[in-house]
Amino acid sequence: MHRLYQKVDHIRASGYATLDLPSGHPFTHLNGQKFKVIRIDPPDIKSKIWLSIEGKEVEFKLSEVY
């Protein structure tokens, strides 16, 4: 859980998150790219993060970004 808090703190501090999606995901072609964070849930196993991709808010699981 401590590592999860560190991950969220790092993302909040930078304001950006990098996608790390599994194959077959509709946004897999964007893996490794940084996107601006719109909002982020409090740290938890099933937390969500919303990123701005091409001017749209897109929701991801916290486990799909770094």
C-alpha atoms as a PDB file:
ATOM      1  CA  MET A   1       0.000   0.000   0.000  1.00  0.00           C
ATOM      2  CA  HIS A   2       2.927   2.317   0.746  1.00  0.00           C
ATOM      3  CA  ARG A   3       4.110   1.952  -2.852  1.00  0.00           C
ATOM      4  CA  LEU A   4       0.652   2.923  -4.102  1.00  0.00           C
ATOM      5  CA  TYR A   5       0.751   6.123  -2.031  1.00  0.00           C
ATOM      6  CA  GLN A   6       4.182   6.928  -3.442  1.00  0.00           C
ATOM      7  CA  LYS A   7       2.923   6.411  -6.988  1.00  0.00           C
ATOM      8  CA  VAL A   8      -0.053   8.743  -6.460  1.00  0.00           C
ATOM      9  CA  ASP A   9       2.150  11.367  -4.778  1.00  0.00           C
ATOM     10  CA  HIS A  10       4.585  11.258  -7.704  1.00  0.00           C
ATOM     11  CA  ILE A  11       1.763  11.628 -10.258  1.00  0.00           C
ATOM     12  CA  ARG A  12       0.187  14.501  -8.316  1.00  0.00           C
ATOM     13  CA  ALA A  13       3.513  16.296  -7.955  1.00  0.00           C
ATOM     14  CA  SER A  14       4.329  16.109 -11.661  1.00  0.00           C
ATOM     15  CA  GLY A  15       0.785  16.626 -12.953  1.00  0.00           C
ATOM     16  CA  TYR A  16       1.405  14.054 -15.672  1.00  0.00           C
ATOM     17  CA  ALA A  17       1.098  10.283 -16.021  1.00  0.00           C
ATOM     18  CA  THR A  18       2.588   7.882 -18.555  1.00  0.00           C
ATOM     19  CA  LEU A  19       0.415   5.149 -20.033  1.00  0.00           C
ATOM     20  CA  ASP A  20       1.398   1.501 -19.577  1.00  0.00           C
ATOM     21  CA  LEU A  21      -1.580  -0.397 -21.016  1.00  0.00           C
ATOM     22  CA  PRO A  22      -1.971  -4.123 -21.715  1.00  0.00           C
ATOM     23  CA  SER A  23      -2.177  -5.288 -25.321  1.00  0.00           C
ATOM     24  CA  GLY A  24      -5.698  -5.224 -26.688  1.00  0.00           C
ATOM     25  CA  HIS A  25      -6.606  -1.969 -24.908  1.00  0.00           C
ATOM     26  CA  PRO A  26      -8.035   0.668 -27.303  1.00  0.00           C
ATOM     27  CA  PHE A  27      -5.304   3.160 -26.316  1.00  0.00           C
ATOM     28  CA  THR A  28      -2.337   0.743 -26.465  1.00  0.00           C
ATOM     29  CA  HIS A  29      -0.822   2.738 -29.330  1.00  0.00           C
ATOM     30  CA  LEU A  30      -0.259   5.586 -26.830  1.00  0.00           C
ATOM     31  CA  ASN A  31       1.872   3.512 -24.426  1.00  0.00           C
ATOM     32  CA  GLY A  32       4.897   5.362 -23.103  1.00  0.00           C
ATOM     33  CA  GLN A  33       3.446   8.824 -23.752  1.00  0.00           C
ATOM     34  CA  LYS A  34       2.804  11.372 -20.997  1.00  0.00           C
ATOM     35  CA  PHE A  35      -0.582  12.997 -20.551  1.00  0.00           C
ATOM     36  CA  LYS A  36      -1.872  15.728 -18.253  1.00  0.00           C
ATOM     37  CA  VAL A  37      -3.795  14.520 -15.196  1.00  0.00           C
ATOM     38  CA  ILE A  38      -7.302  15.987 -14.888  1.00  0.00           C
ATOM     39  CA  ARG A  39      -8.146  14.327 -11.579  1.00  0.00           C
ATOM     40  CA  ILE A  40      -7.202  11.296  -9.523  1.00  0.00           C
ATOM     41  CA  ASP A  41      -9.059   9.252  -6.912  1.00  0.00           C
ATOM     42  CA  PRO A  42      -7.621   8.791  -3.420  1.00  0.00           C
ATOM     43  CA  PRO A  43      -5.061   5.942  -3.361  1.00  0.00           C
ATOM     44  CA  ASP A  44      -6.713   2.520  -3.334  1.00  0.00           C
ATOM     45  CA  ILE A  45      -6.435  -0.758  -5.231  1.00  0.00           C
ATOM     46  CA  LYS A  46      -9.261   0.198  -7.620  1.00  0.00           C
ATOM     47  CA  SER A  47      -8.488   3.916  -7.936  1.00  0.00           C
ATOM     48  CA  LYS A  48      -9.186   5.719 -11.182  1.00  0.00           C
ATOM     49  CA  ILE A  49      -7.270   8.463 -12.906  1.00  0.00           C
ATOM     50  CA  TRP A  50      -8.568  10.788 -15.609  1.00  0.00           C
ATOM     51  CA  LEU A  51      -6.136  11.997 -18.263  1.00  0.00           C
ATOM     52  CA  SER A  52      -6.509  14.594 -20.986  1.00  0.00           C
ATOM     53  CA  ILE A  53      -5.992  12.851 -24.331  1.00  0.00           C
ATOM     54  CA  GLU A  54      -6.565  14.939 -27.458  1.00  0.00           C
ATOM     55  CA  GLY A  55      -8.719  17.367 -25.459  1.00  0.00           C
ATOM     56  CA  LYS A  56     -10.960  14.653 -23.997  1.00  0.00           C
ATOM     57  CA  GLU A  57     -11.135  13.252 -20.457  1.00  0.00           C
ATOM     58  CA  VAL A  58     -10.311   9.548 -20.529  1.00  0.00           C
ATOM     59  CA  GLU A  59     -10.576   7.289 -17.460  1.00  0.00           C
ATOM     60  CA  PHE A  60      -7.915   4.688 -16.639  1.00  0.00           C
ATOM     61  CA  LYS A  61      -7.139   2.420 -13.702  1.00  0.00           C
ATOM     62  CA  LEU A  62      -4.241   3.566 -11.566  1.00  0.00           C
ATOM     63  CA  SER A  63      -2.479   0.295 -12.440  1.00  0.00           C
ATOM     64  CA  GLU A  64      -2.471   1.305 -16.139  1.00  0.00           C
ATOM     65  CA  VAL A  65      -0.233   4.347 -15.620  1.00  0.00           C
ATOM     66  CA  TYR A  66       3.087   5.199 -14.042  1.00  0.00           C
END
